[in-house]
Amino acid sequence: MGQNWWEKRVNFQREFSLKQRYGGAQPNISQTIIKNTLVPKPNIKEQNAIADSMTLFDSKICHHKSKKDSLTALFKTLLHELMTGQRRVHELEFEDKKITNQTL
């Protein structure tokens, strides 16, 4: 069962639940309707695969946050050194890259 199926299932369940509301200005869904709502549960192998994917994504998020924090600190340090005259622009090394319309 692919992600597309899951999205359709969730959207269908949401629409179905919203149709079950009752009341005036702030319609409610009864506790009975919520308790009787069936939620599909993947088998244990698929659950483990999902958990592994989530763990991988969490580690990637942590890695990229750490990288962003390091680059932000480097930028702030470099900016401070440039603004206080501790470092001059001619001391900086830049990569030679040809800028084309495709890279913009």
Foldseek 3Di string as FASTA:
>chain_A
DDPVVVVVVVVVVVVVQVVQFDDDPDTDRDPVVVVPDDDDDDDPVVVVVVVVVVVVVVVVVVVVVVVVVVVVVVVVVVVVCPVVVVDDPVPDDDDDDDDDPVVD
